Amino acid sequence: MLVPNENIPIYNFVSGANTLTFQENTNVLLEKILEVPSAQAIWYPLVIPFRSVLWYRVFAIFVHVIPGALLDIAFVIKGSPPNNKSVPGPRIEPRPPAQKSDTLPLDRQVTKS
């Protein structure tokens, strides 16, 4: 049974007198991560802000794709299957096929009675 804890701080991004900048949020986040580290963490927490999505993706290739590929190659050489851990996240279900009435403009849709 979970018990509410009133000591857990809650941070909000709001406009007003007491705002929290992105850098302040990053500092608080890193501080809290170091206080309570994840048991499944492999890398040391690191935050590098990018102004460009392109440079972020180039960087991600060097810190995610290449190390993952090297580890997969090492596992294959060792003779064991690659260790593909799935990242938990929202499951996106495919949409059902559109019905004929779904493709008509709203004022021309046929209603079934």
PDB file of N, CA and C in Angstrom:
ATOM      1  N   MET A   1       0.840  -1.179   0.000  1.00  0.00           N
ATOM      2  CA  MET A   1       0.000   0.000   0.000  1.00  0.00           C
ATOM      3  C   MET A   1       0.885   1.242   0.000  1.00  0.00           C
ATOM      4  N   LEU A   2       0.610   2.166  -0.914  1.00  0.00           N
ATOM      5  CA  LEU A   2       1.386   3.391  -0.998  1.00  0.00           C
ATOM      6  C   LEU A   2       0.883   4.407   0.013  1.00  0.00           C
ATOM      7  N   VAL A   3       1.825   5.045   0.667  1.00  0.00           N
ATOM      8  CA  VAL A   3       1.490   6.064   1.658  1.00  0.00           C
ATOM      9  C   VAL A   3       1.925   7.412   1.100  1.00  0.00           C
ATOM     10  N   PRO A   4       1.044   8.420   1.100  1.00  0.00           N
ATOM     11  CA  PRO A   4       1.432   9.733   0.587  1.00  0.00           C
ATOM     12  C   PRO A   4       2.592  10.308   1.400  1.00  0.00           C
ATOM     13  N   ASN A   5       3.514  10.941   0.711  1.00  0.00           N
ATOM     14  CA  ASN A   5       4.667  11.553   1.363  1.00  0.00           C
ATOM     15  C   ASN A   5       4.627  13.049   1.090  1.00  0.00           C
ATOM     16  N   GLU A   6       4.428  13.824   2.126  1.00  0.00           N
ATOM     17  CA  GLU A   6       4.326  15.274   1.983  1.00  0.00           C
ATOM     18  C   GLU A   6       5.693  15.928   1.777  1.00  0.00           C
ATOM     19  N   ASN A   7       6.777  15.167   1.939  1.00  0.00           N
ATOM     20  CA  ASN A   7       8.112  15.740   1.822  1.00  0.00           C
ATOM     21  C   ASN A   7       8.656  15.717   0.400  1.00  0.00           C
ATOM     22  N   ILE A   8       7.932  15.133  -0.539  1.00  0.00           N
ATOM     23  CA  ILE A   8       8.397  15.073  -1.919  1.00  0.00           C
ATOM     24  C   ILE A   8       8.153  16.434  -2.568  1.00  0.00           C
ATOM     25  N   PRO A   9       9.226  17.104  -3.023  1.00  0.00           N
ATOM     26  CA  PRO A   9       9.025  18.416  -3.648  1.00  0.00           C
ATOM     27  C   PRO A   9       8.424  18.268  -5.042  1.00  0.00           C
ATOM     28  N   ILE A  10       7.576  19.200  -5.398  1.00  0.00           N
ATOM     29  CA  ILE A  10       6.941  19.228  -6.714  1.00  0.00           C
ATOM     30  C   ILE A  10       7.355  20.533  -7.376  1.00  0.00           C
ATOM     31  N   TYR A  11       7.882  20.436  -8.593  1.00  0.00           N
ATOM     32  CA  TYR A  11       8.358  21.610  -9.306  1.00  0.00           C
ATOM     33  C   TYR A  11       7.462  21.853 -10.510  1.00  0.00           C
ATOM     34  N   ASN A  12       7.146  23.124 -10.761  1.00  0.00           N
ATOM     35  CA  ASN A  12       6.291  23.496 -11.878  1.00  0.00           C
ATOM     36  C   ASN A  12       6.983  24.547 -12.730  1.00  0.00           C
ATOM     37  N   PHE A  13       6.800  24.457 -14.037  1.00  0.00           N
ATOM     38  CA  PHE A  13       7.231  25.522 -14.935  1.00  0.00           C
ATOM     39  C   PHE A  13       6.039  26.446 -15.110  1.00  0.00           C
ATOM     40  N   VAL A  14       6.116  27.622 -14.536  1.00  0.00           N
ATOM     41  CA  VAL A  14       5.022  28.583 -14.641  1.00  0.00           C
ATOM     42  C   VAL A  14       5.599  29.960 -14.896  1.00  0.00           C
ATOM     43  N   SER A  15       4.780  30.825 -15.470  1.00  0.00           N
ATOM     44  CA  SER A  15       5.202  32.212 -15.604  1.00  0.00           C
ATOM     45  C   SER A  15       4.704  32.954 -14.378  1.00  0.00           C
ATOM     46  N   GLY A  16       5.519  33.801 -13.851  1.00  0.00           N
ATOM     47  CA  GLY A  16       5.140  34.539 -12.655  1.00  0.00           C
ATOM     48  C   GLY A  16       6.364  35.015 -11.913  1.00  0.00           C
ATOM     49  N   ALA A  17       6.183  35.269 -10.641  1.00  0.00           N
ATOM     50  CA  ALA A  17       7.263  35.838  -9.835  1.00  0.00           C
ATOM     51  C   ALA A  17       8.337  34.812  -9.501  1.00  0.00           C
ATOM     52  N   ASN A  18       7.974  33.567  -9.314  1.00  0.00           N
ATOM     53  CA  ASN A  18       8.931  32.552  -8.875  1.00  0.00           C
ATOM     54  C   ASN A  18       9.104  31.503  -9.973  1.00  0.00           C
ATOM     55  N   THR A  19       9.767  31.891 -11.052  1.00  0.00           N
ATOM     56  CA  THR A  19       9.900  30.990 -12.198  1.00  0.00           C
ATOM     57  C   THR A  19      11.083  30.048 -12.017  1.00  0.00           C
ATOM     58  N   LEU A  20      11.078  28.969 -12.767  1.00  0.00           N
ATOM     59  CA  LEU A  20      12.146  27.979 -12.755  1.00  0.00           C
ATOM     60  C   LEU A  20      12.688  27.881 -14.179  1.00  0.00           C
ATOM     61  N   THR A  21      13.958  28.221 -14.360  1.00  0.00           N
ATOM     62  CA  THR A  21      14.544  28.171 -15.697  1.00  0.00           C
ATOM     63  C   THR A  21      14.913  26.734 -16.060  1.00  0.00           C
ATOM     64  N   PHE A  22      15.199  26.519 -17.338  1.00  0.00           N
ATOM     65  CA  PHE A  22      15.587  25.188 -17.790  1.00  0.00           C
ATOM     66  C   PHE A  22      16.873  24.745 -17.102  1.00  0.00           C
ATOM     67  N   GLN A  23      17.832  25.657 -16.955  1.00  0.00           N
ATOM     68  CA  GLN A  23      19.100  25.304 -16.313  1.00  0.00           C
ATOM     69  C   GLN A  23      18.887  24.968 -14.842  1.00  0.00           C
ATOM     70  N   GLU A  24      18.041  25.730 -14.147  1.00  0.00           N
ATOM     71  CA  GLU A  24      17.748  25.424 -12.743  1.00  0.00           C
ATOM     72  C   GLU A  24      17.074  24.062 -12.622  1.00  0.00           C
ATOM     73  N   ASN A  25      16.152  23.776 -13.533  1.00  0.00           N
ATOM     74  CA  ASN A  25      15.483  22.479 -13.525  1.00  0.00           C
ATOM     75  C   ASN A  25      16.486  21.354 -13.758  1.00  0.00           C
ATOM     76  N   THR A  26      17.393  21.548 -14.693  1.00  0.00           N
ATOM     77  CA  THR A  26      18.415  20.540 -14.974  1.00  0.00           C
ATOM     78  C   THR A  26      19.279  20.294 -13.748  1.00  0.00           C
ATOM     79  N   ASN A  27      19.677  21.368 -13.070  1.00  0.00           N
ATOM     80  CA  ASN A  27      20.504  21.223 -11.867  1.00  0.00           C
ATOM     81  C   ASN A  27      19.768  20.456 -10.773  1.00  0.00           C
ATOM     82  N   VAL A  28      18.489  20.775 -10.557  1.00  0.00           N
ATOM     83  CA  VAL A  28      17.692  20.069  -9.540  1.00  0.00           C
ATOM     84  C   VAL A  28      17.542  18.605  -9.928  1.00  0.00           C
ATOM     85  N   LEU A  29      17.264  18.348 -11.196  1.00  0.00           N
ATOM     86  CA  LEU A  29      17.088  16.978 -11.677  1.00  0.00           C
ATOM     87  C   LEU A  29      18.351  16.147 -11.460  1.00  0.00           C
ATOM     88  N   LEU A  30      19.501  16.685 -11.839  1.00  0.00           N
ATOM     89  CA  LEU A  30      20.753  15.947 -11.656  1.00  0.00           C
ATOM     90  C   LEU A  30      21.056  15.719 -10.179  1.00  0.00           C
ATOM     91  N   GLU A  31      20.756  16.712  -9.349  1.00  0.00           N
ATOM     92  CA  GLU A  31      20.971  16.562  -7.903  1.00  0.00           C
ATOM     93  C   GLU A  31      20.112  15.430  -7.340  1.00  0.00           C
ATOM     94  N   LYS A  32      18.836  15.387  -7.739  1.00  0.00           N
ATOM     95  CA  LYS A  32      17.930  14.352  -7.226  1.00  0.00           C
ATOM     96  C   LYS A  32      18.295  12.975  -7.775  1.00  0.00           C
ATOM     97  N   ILE A  33      18.745  12.916  -9.030  1.00  0.00           N
ATOM     98  CA  ILE A  33      19.147  11.632  -9.605  1.00  0.00           C
ATOM     99  C   ILE A  33      20.344  11.065  -8.853  1.00  0.00           C
ATOM    100  N   LEU A  34      21.266  11.936  -8.465  1.00  0.00           N
ATOM    101  CA  LEU A  34      22.442  11.464  -7.730  1.00  0.00           C
ATOM    102  C   LEU A  34      22.088  11.055  -6.307  1.00  0.00           C
ATOM    103  N   GLU A  35      21.052  11.674  -5.722  1.00  0.00           N
ATOM    104  CA  GLU A  35      20.607  11.284  -4.376  1.00  0.00           C
ATOM    105  C   GLU A  35      19.976   9.900  -4.391  1.00  0.00           C
ATOM    106  N   VAL A  36      19.165   9.624  -5.417  1.00  0.00           N
ATOM    107  CA  VAL A  36      18.456   8.349  -5.513  1.00  0.00           C
ATOM    108  C   VAL A  36      18.741   7.755  -6.891  1.00  0.00           C
ATOM    109  N   PRO A  37      19.890   7.114  -7.072  1.00  0.00           N
ATOM    110  CA  PRO A  37      20.237   6.590  -8.395  1.00  0.00           C
ATOM    111  C   PRO A  37      19.382   5.381  -8.773  1.00  0.00           C
ATOM    112  N   SER A  38      19.233   5.190 -10.069  1.00  0.00           N
ATOM    113  CA  SER A  38      18.490   4.048 -10.581  1.00  0.00           C
ATOM    114  C   SER A  38      19.353   2.795 -10.494  1.00  0.00           C
ATOM    115  N   ALA A  39      18.735   1.690 -10.110  1.00  0.00           N
ATOM    116  CA  ALA A  39      19.465   0.421 -10.026  1.00  0.00           C
ATOM    117  C   ALA A  39      19.801  -0.112 -11.415  1.00  0.00           C
ATOM    118  N   GLN A  40      19.085   0.353 -12.451  1.00  0.00           N
ATOM    119  CA  GLN A  40      19.302  -0.141 -13.808  1.00  0.00           C
ATOM    120  C   GLN A  40      20.134   0.812 -14.658  1.00  0.00           C
ATOM    121  N   ALA A  41      20.653   1.882 -14.065  1.00  0.00           N
ATOM    122  CA  ALA A  41      21.428   2.861 -14.828  1.00  0.00           C
ATOM    123  C   ALA A  41      22.740   2.251 -15.297  1.00  0.00           C
ATOM    124  N   ILE A  42      23.080   2.511 -16.531  1.00  0.00           N
ATOM    125  CA  ILE A  42      24.339   2.045 -17.094  1.00  0.00           C
ATOM    126  C   ILE A  42      25.310   3.220 -17.220  1.00  0.00           C
ATOM    127  N   TRP A  43      24.795   4.371 -17.622  1.00  0.00           N
ATOM    128  CA  TRP A  43      25.609   5.557 -17.830  1.00  0.00           C
ATOM    129  C   TRP A  43      25.434   6.525 -16.666  1.00  0.00           C
ATOM    130  N   TYR A  44      26.428   7.354 -16.470  1.00  0.00           N
ATOM    131  CA  TYR A  44      26.341   8.451 -15.519  1.00  0.00           C
ATOM    132  C   TYR A  44      25.400   9.499 -16.115  1.00  0.00           C
ATOM    133  N   PRO A  45      24.494  10.090 -15.311  1.00  0.00           N
ATOM    134  CA  PRO A  45      23.563  11.078 -15.869  1.00  0.00           C
ATOM    135  C   PRO A  45      24.311  12.285 -16.442  1.00  0.00           C
ATOM    136  N   LEU A  46      23.906  12.692 -17.617  1.00  0.00           N
ATOM    137  CA  LEU A  46      24.568  13.779 -18.324  1.00  0.00           C
ATOM    138  C   LEU A  46      23.519  14.572 -19.081  1.00  0.00           C
ATOM    139  N   VAL A  47      23.613  15.882 -19.033  1.00  0.00           N
ATOM    140  CA  VAL A  47      22.692  16.736 -19.779  1.00  0.00           C
ATOM    141  C   VAL A  47      23.514  17.669 -20.647  1.00  0.00           C
ATOM    142  N   ILE A  48      23.285  17.609 -21.942  1.00  0.00           N
ATOM    143  CA  ILE A  48      23.927  18.518 -22.882  1.00  0.00           C
ATOM    144  C   ILE A  48      22.816  19.150 -23.715  1.00  0.00           C
ATOM    145  N   PRO A  49      22.531  20.422 -23.497  1.00  0.00           N
ATOM    146  CA  PRO A  49      21.465  21.062 -24.281  1.00  0.00           C
ATOM    147  C   PRO A  49      21.943  21.367 -25.705  1.00  0.00           C
ATOM    148  N   PHE A  50      21.093  21.105 -26.669  1.00  0.00           N
ATOM    149  CA  PHE A  50      21.384  21.394 -28.070  1.00  0.00           C
ATOM    150  C   PHE A  50      20.349  22.383 -28.580  1.00  0.00           C
ATOM    151  N   ARG A  51      20.793  23.317 -29.395  1.00  0.00           N
ATOM    152  CA  ARG A  51      19.868  24.272 -30.002  1.00  0.00           C
ATOM    153  C   ARG A  51      19.317  23.734 -31.324  1.00  0.00           C
ATOM    154  N   SER A  52      19.932  22.693 -31.831  1.00  0.00           N
ATOM    155  CA  SER A  52      19.541  22.149 -33.125  1.00  0.00           C
ATOM    156  C   SER A  52      19.207  20.671 -32.984  1.00  0.00           C
ATOM    157  N   VAL A  53      18.106  20.258 -33.577  1.00  0.00           N
ATOM    158  CA  VAL A  53      17.725  18.847 -33.580  1.00  0.00           C
ATOM    159  C   VAL A  53      18.749  18.036 -34.365  1.00  0.00           C
ATOM    160  N   LEU A  54      19.294  18.616 -35.421  1.00  0.00           N
ATOM    161  CA  LEU A  54      20.293  17.919 -36.226  1.00  0.00           C
ATOM    162  C   LEU A  54      21.505  17.538 -35.379  1.00  0.00           C
ATOM    163  N   TRP A  55      22.050  18.482 -34.608  1.00  0.00           N
ATOM    164  CA  TRP A  55      23.227  18.185 -33.789  1.00  0.00           C
ATOM    165  C   TRP A  55      22.898  17.208 -32.674  1.00  0.00           C
ATOM    166  N   TYR A  56      21.676  17.288 -32.147  1.00  0.00           N
ATOM    167  CA  TYR A  56      21.260  16.309 -31.134  1.00  0.00           C
ATOM    168  C   TYR A  56      21.272  14.900 -31.732  1.00  0.00           C
ATOM    169  N   ARG A  57      20.749  14.756 -32.934  1.00  0.00           N
ATOM    170  CA  ARG A  57      20.693  13.431 -33.560  1.00  0.00           C
ATOM    171  C   ARG A  57      22.083  12.908 -33.914  1.00  0.00           C
ATOM    172  N   VAL A  58      22.976  13.795 -34.349  1.00  0.00           N
ATOM    173  CA  VAL A  58      24.357  13.381 -34.614  1.00  0.00           C
ATOM    174  C   VAL A  58      25.004  12.909 -33.317  1.00  0.00           C
ATOM    175  N   PHE A  59      24.814  13.658 -32.236  1.00  0.00           N
ATOM    176  CA  PHE A  59      25.361  13.284 -30.934  1.00  0.00           C
ATOM    177  C   PHE A  59      24.771  11.951 -30.474  1.00  0.00           C
ATOM    178  N   ALA A  60      23.471  11.758 -30.677  1.00  0.00           N
ATOM    179  CA  ALA A  60      22.808  10.521 -30.254  1.00  0.00           C
ATOM    180  C   ALA A  60      23.388   9.309 -30.970  1.00  0.00           C
ATOM    181  N   ILE A  61      23.808   9.478 -32.201  1.00  0.00           N
ATOM    182  CA  ILE A  61      24.437   8.366 -32.922  1.00  0.00           C
ATOM    183  C   ILE A  61      25.701   7.921 -32.194  1.00  0.00           C
ATOM    184  N   PHE A  62      26.483   8.886 -31.711  1.00  0.00           N
ATOM    185  CA  PHE A  62      27.752   8.554 -31.054  1.00  0.00           C
ATOM    186  C   PHE A  62      27.583   8.008 -29.644  1.00  0.00           C
ATOM    187  N   VAL A  63      26.517   8.396 -28.943  1.00  0.00           N
ATOM    188  CA  VAL A  63      26.369   7.918 -27.559  1.00  0.00           C
ATOM    189  C   VAL A  63      25.334   6.804 -27.406  1.00  0.00           C
ATOM    190  N   HIS A  64      24.533   6.542 -28.437  1.00  0.00           N
ATOM    191  CA  HIS A  64      23.521   5.486 -28.337  1.00  0.00           C
ATOM    192  C   HIS A  64      23.717   4.398 -29.390  1.00  0.00           C
ATOM    193  N   VAL A  65      23.735   4.794 -30.644  1.00  0.00           N
ATOM    194  CA  VAL A  65      23.738   3.821 -31.734  1.00  0.00           C
ATOM    195  C   VAL A  65      25.074   3.083 -31.822  1.00  0.00           C
ATOM    196  N   ILE A  66      26.172   3.817 -31.866  1.00  0.00           N
ATOM    197  CA  ILE A  66      27.484   3.169 -32.009  1.00  0.00           C
ATOM    198  C   ILE A  66      27.825   2.299 -30.799  1.00  0.00           C
ATOM    199  N   PRO A  67      27.680   2.793 -29.542  1.00  0.00           N
ATOM    200  CA  PRO A  67      27.954   1.895 -28.409  1.00  0.00           C
ATOM    201  C   PRO A  67      27.040   0.667 -28.393  1.00  0.00           C
ATOM    202  N   GLY A  68      25.768   0.840 -28.756  1.00  0.00           N
ATOM    203  CA  GLY A  68      24.853  -0.303 -28.800  1.00  0.00           C
ATOM    204  C   GLY A  68      25.267  -1.316 -29.847  1.00  0.00           C
ATOM    205  N   ALA A  69      25.684  -0.828 -31.015  1.00  0.00           N
ATOM    206  CA  ALA A  69      26.134  -1.738 -32.070  1.00  0.00           C
ATOM    207  C   ALA A  69      27.397  -2.475 -31.648  1.00  0.00           C
ATOM    208  N   LEU A  70      28.321  -1.773 -30.993  1.00  0.00           N
ATOM    209  CA  LEU A  70      29.551  -2.428 -30.524  1.00  0.00           C
ATOM    210  C   LEU A  70      29.248  -3.495 -29.476  1.00  0.00           C
ATOM    211  N   LEU A  71      28.324  -3.203 -28.576  1.00  0.00           N
ATOM    212  CA  LEU A  71      27.939  -4.209 -27.578  1.00  0.00           C
ATOM    213  C   LEU A  71      27.267  -5.410 -28.235  1.00  0.00           C
ATOM    214  N   ASP A  72      26.404  -5.157 -29.223  1.00  0.00           N
ATOM    215  CA  ASP A  72      25.761  -6.267 -29.936  1.00  0.00           C
ATOM    216  C   ASP A  72      26.801  -7.136 -30.639  1.00  0.00           C
ATOM    217  N   ILE A  73      27.797  -6.500 -31.264  1.00  0.00           N
ATOM    218  CA  ILE A  73      28.859  -7.259 -31.932  1.00  0.00           C
ATOM    219  C   ILE A  73      29.636  -8.085 -30.912  1.00  0.00           C
ATOM    220  N   ALA A  74      29.923  -7.489 -29.751  1.00  0.00           N
ATOM    221  CA  ALA A  74      30.649  -8.219 -28.705  1.00  0.00           C
ATOM    222  C   ALA A  74      29.846  -9.420 -28.221  1.00  0.00           C
ATOM    223  N   PHE A  75      28.530  -9.261 -28.074  1.00  0.00           N
ATOM    224  CA  PHE A  75      27.689 -10.387 -27.649  1.00  0.00           C
ATOM    225  C   PHE A  75      27.686 -11.491 -28.704  1.00  0.00           C
ATOM    226  N   VAL A  76      27.625 -11.119 -29.978  1.00  0.00           N
ATOM    227  CA  VAL A  76      27.629 -12.122 -31.049  1.00  0.00           C
ATOM    228  C   VAL A  76      28.964 -12.860 -31.068  1.00  0.00           C
ATOM    229  N   ILE A  77      30.065 -12.137 -30.917  1.00  0.00           N
ATOM    230  CA  ILE A  77      31.385 -12.779 -30.886  1.00  0.00           C
ATOM    231  C   ILE A  77      31.488 -13.723 -29.695  1.00  0.00           C
ATOM    232  N   LYS A  78      30.923 -13.313 -28.567  1.00  0.00           N
ATOM    233  CA  LYS A  78      30.943 -14.141 -27.356  1.00  0.00           C
ATOM    234  C   LYS A  78      30.074 -15.385 -27.520  1.00  0.00           C
ATOM    235  N   GLY A  79      29.100 -15.330 -28.431  1.00  0.00           N
ATOM    236  CA  GLY A  79      28.240 -16.479 -28.670  1.00  0.00           C
ATOM    237  C   GLY A  79      26.895 -16.399 -27.985  1.00  0.00           C
ATOM    238  N   SER A  80      26.585 -15.288 -27.359  1.00  0.00           N
ATOM    239  CA  SER A  80      25.270 -15.131 -26.729  1.00  0.00           C
ATOM    240  C   SER A  80      24.455 -14.124 -27.537  1.00  0.00           C
ATOM    241  N   PRO A  81      23.133 -14.196 -27.425  1.00  0.00           N
ATOM    242  CA  PRO A  81      22.307 -13.265 -28.199  1.00  0.00           C
ATOM    243  C   PRO A  81      22.484 -11.834 -27.688  1.00  0.00           C
ATOM    244  N   PRO A  82      22.336 -10.846 -28.573  1.00  0.00           N
ATOM    245  CA  PRO A  82      22.433  -9.451 -28.137  1.00  0.00           C
ATOM    246  C   PRO A  82      21.412  -9.150 -27.044  1.00  0.00           C
ATOM    247  N   ASN A  83      21.794  -8.303 -26.122  1.00  0.00           N
ATOM    248  CA  ASN A  83      20.949  -7.964 -24.980  1.00  0.00           C
ATOM    249  C   ASN A  83      20.110  -6.744 -25.330  1.00  0.00           C
ATOM    250  N   ASN A  84      18.996  -6.957 -25.999  1.00  0.00           N
ATOM    251  CA  ASN A  84      18.112  -5.860 -26.377  1.00  0.00           C
ATOM    252  C   ASN A  84      17.099  -5.628 -25.272  1.00  0.00           C
ATOM    253  N   LYS A  85      17.306  -4.586 -24.507  1.00  0.00           N
ATOM    254  CA  LYS A  85      16.345  -4.247 -23.459  1.00  0.00           C
ATOM    255  C   LYS A  85      15.337  -3.277 -24.040  1.00  0.00           C
ATOM    256  N   SER A  86      14.083  -3.574 -23.844  1.00  0.00           N
ATOM    257  CA  SER A  86      13.067  -2.660 -24.330  1.00  0.00           C
ATOM    258  C   SER A  86      12.880  -1.553 -23.306  1.00  0.00           C
ATOM    259  N   VAL A  87      12.681  -0.359 -23.808  1.00  0.00           N
ATOM    260  CA  VAL A  87      12.469   0.793 -22.944  1.00  0.00           C
ATOM    261  C   VAL A  87      10.977   0.919 -22.701  1.00  0.00           C
ATOM    262  N   PRO A  88      10.556   0.945 -21.431  1.00  0.00           N
ATOM    263  CA  PRO A  88       9.123   1.085 -21.188  1.00  0.00           C
ATOM    264  C   PRO A  88       8.640   2.450 -21.646  1.00  0.00           C
ATOM    265  N   GLY A  89       7.484   2.454 -22.213  1.00  0.00           N
ATOM    266  CA  GLY A  89       6.922   3.709 -22.693  1.00  0.00           C
ATOM    267  C   GLY A  89       5.498   3.483 -23.140  1.00  0.00           C
ATOM    268  N   PRO A  90       4.876   4.528 -23.636  1.00  0.00           N
ATOM    269  CA  PRO A  90       3.491   4.364 -24.070  1.00  0.00           C
ATOM    270  C   PRO A  90       3.406   3.459 -25.289  1.00  0.00           C
ATOM    271  N   ARG A  91       2.431   2.588 -25.290  1.00  0.00           N
ATOM    272  CA  ARG A  91       2.218   1.694 -26.424  1.00  0.00           C
ATOM    273  C   ARG A  91       1.264   2.392 -27.385  1.00  0.00           C
ATOM    274  N   ILE A  92       1.676   2.484 -28.630  1.00  0.00           N
ATOM    275  CA  ILE A  92       0.852   3.140 -29.639  1.00  0.00           C
ATOM    276  C   ILE A  92       0.155   2.057 -30.438  1.00  0.00           C
ATOM    277  N   GLU A  93      -1.145   2.038 -30.350  1.00  0.00           N
ATOM    278  CA  GLU A  93      -1.941   1.048 -31.065  1.00  0.00           C
ATOM    279  C   GLU A  93      -2.281   1.589 -32.452  1.00  0.00           C
ATOM    280  N   PRO A  94      -2.289   0.730 -33.469  1.00  0.00           N
ATOM    281  CA  PRO A  94      -2.662   1.200 -34.801  1.00  0.00           C
ATOM    282  C   PRO A  94      -4.134   1.574 -34.854  1.00  0.00           C
ATOM    283  N   ARG A  95      -4.435   2.579 -35.663  1.00  0.00           N
ATOM    284  CA  ARG A  95      -5.821   3.000 -35.821  1.00  0.00           C
ATOM    285  C   ARG A  95      -6.565   1.980 -36.668  1.00  0.00           C
ATOM    286  N   PRO A  96      -7.837   1.769 -36.368  1.00  0.00           N
ATOM    287  CA  PRO A  96      -8.622   0.882 -37.234  1.00  0.00           C
ATOM    288  C   PRO A  96      -8.802   1.536 -38.600  1.00  0.00           C
ATOM    289  N   PRO A  97      -9.044   0.738 -39.632  1.00  0.00           N
ATOM    290  CA  PRO A  97      -9.230   1.326 -40.960  1.00  0.00           C
ATOM    291  C   PRO A  97     -10.403   2.299 -40.967  1.00  0.00           C
ATOM    292  N   ALA A  98     -10.257   3.350 -41.756  1.00  0.00           N
ATOM    293  CA  ALA A  98     -11.302   4.373 -41.823  1.00  0.00           C
ATOM    294  C   ALA A  98     -12.547   3.810 -42.493  1.00  0.00           C
ATOM    295  N   GLN A  99     -13.679   4.170 -41.961  1.00  0.00           N
ATOM    296  CA  GLN A  99     -14.952   3.817 -42.576  1.00  0.00           C
ATOM    297  C   GLN A  99     -15.274   4.856 -43.642  1.00  0.00           C
ATOM    298  N   LYS A 100     -16.155   4.518 -44.552  1.00  0.00           N
ATOM    299  CA  LYS A 100     -16.499   5.441 -45.627  1.00  0.00           C
ATOM    300  C   LYS A 100     -17.028   6.754 -45.067  1.00  0.00           C
ATOM    301  N   SER A 101     -17.838   6.694 -44.011  1.00  0.00           N
ATOM    302  CA  SER A 101     -18.413   7.920 -43.461  1.00  0.00           C
ATOM    303  C   SER A 101     -17.355   8.769 -42.761  1.00  0.00           C
ATOM    304  N   ASP A 102     -16.224   8.155 -42.363  1.00  0.00           N
ATOM    305  CA  ASP A 102     -15.161   8.917 -41.701  1.00  0.00           C
ATOM    306  C   ASP A 102     -14.426   9.836 -42.667  1.00  0.00           C
ATOM    307  N   THR A 103     -14.493   9.530 -43.959  1.00  0.00           N
ATOM    308  CA  THR A 103     -13.735  10.307 -44.927  1.00  0.00           C
ATOM    309  C   THR A 103     -14.534  11.454 -45.515  1.00  0.00           C
ATOM    310  N   LEU A 104     -15.813  11.531 -45.230  1.00  0.00           N
ATOM    311  CA  LEU A 104     -16.643  12.611 -45.753  1.00  0.00           C
ATOM    312  C   LEU A 104     -16.526  13.843 -44.872  1.00  0.00           C
ATOM    313  N   PRO A 105     -16.724  15.042 -45.432  1.00  0.00           N
ATOM    314  CA  PRO A 105     -16.752  16.238 -44.593  1.00  0.00           C
ATOM    315  C   PRO A 105     -17.860  16.118 -43.548  1.00  0.00           C
ATOM    316  N   LEU A 106     -17.697  16.839 -42.438  1.00  0.00           N
ATOM    317  CA  LEU A 106     -18.655  16.728 -41.338  1.00  0.00           C
ATOM    318  C   LEU A 106     -20.084  17.031 -41.759  1.00  0.00           C
ATOM    319  N   ASP A 107     -20.279  18.022 -42.630  1.00  0.00           N
ATOM    320  CA  ASP A 107     -21.647  18.378 -43.020  1.00  0.00           C
ATOM    321  C   ASP A 107     -22.258  17.356 -43.978  1.00  0.00           C
ATOM    322  N   ARG A 108     -21.473  16.417 -44.513  1.00  0.00           N
ATOM    323  CA  ARG A 108     -21.998  15.435 -45.456  1.00  0.00           C
ATOM    324  C   ARG A 108     -21.952  14.017 -44.908  1.00  0.00           C
ATOM    325  N   GLN A 109     -21.562  13.846 -43.630  1.00  0.00           N
ATOM    326  CA  GLN A 109     -21.491  12.499 -43.078  1.00  0.00           C
ATOM    327  C   GLN A 109     -22.888  11.916 -42.906  1.00  0.00           C
ATOM    328  N   VAL A 110     -22.975  10.630 -43.157  1.00  0.00           N
ATOM    329  CA  VAL A 110     -24.240   9.918 -43.038  1.00  0.00           C
ATOM    330  C   VAL A 110     -24.353   9.393 -41.616  1.00  0.00           C
ATOM    331  N   THR A 111     -25.446   9.709 -40.959  1.00  0.00           N
ATOM    332  CA  THR A 111     -25.659   9.196 -39.608  1.00  0.00           C
ATOM    333  C   THR A 111     -26.548   7.983 -39.682  1.00  0.00           C
ATOM    334  N   LYS A 112     -26.216   6.978 -38.899  1.00  0.00           N
ATOM    335  CA  LYS A 112     -27.014   5.756 -38.857  1.00  0.00           C
ATOM    336  C   LYS A 112     -28.014   5.878 -37.728  1.00  0.00           C
ATOM    337  N   SER A 113     -29.265   5.576 -38.024  1.00  0.00           N
ATOM    338  CA  SER A 113     -30.280   5.656 -36.964  1.00  0.00           C
ATOM    339  C   SER A 113     -30.893   4.317 -36.686  1.00  0.00           C
TER     340      SER A 113
END
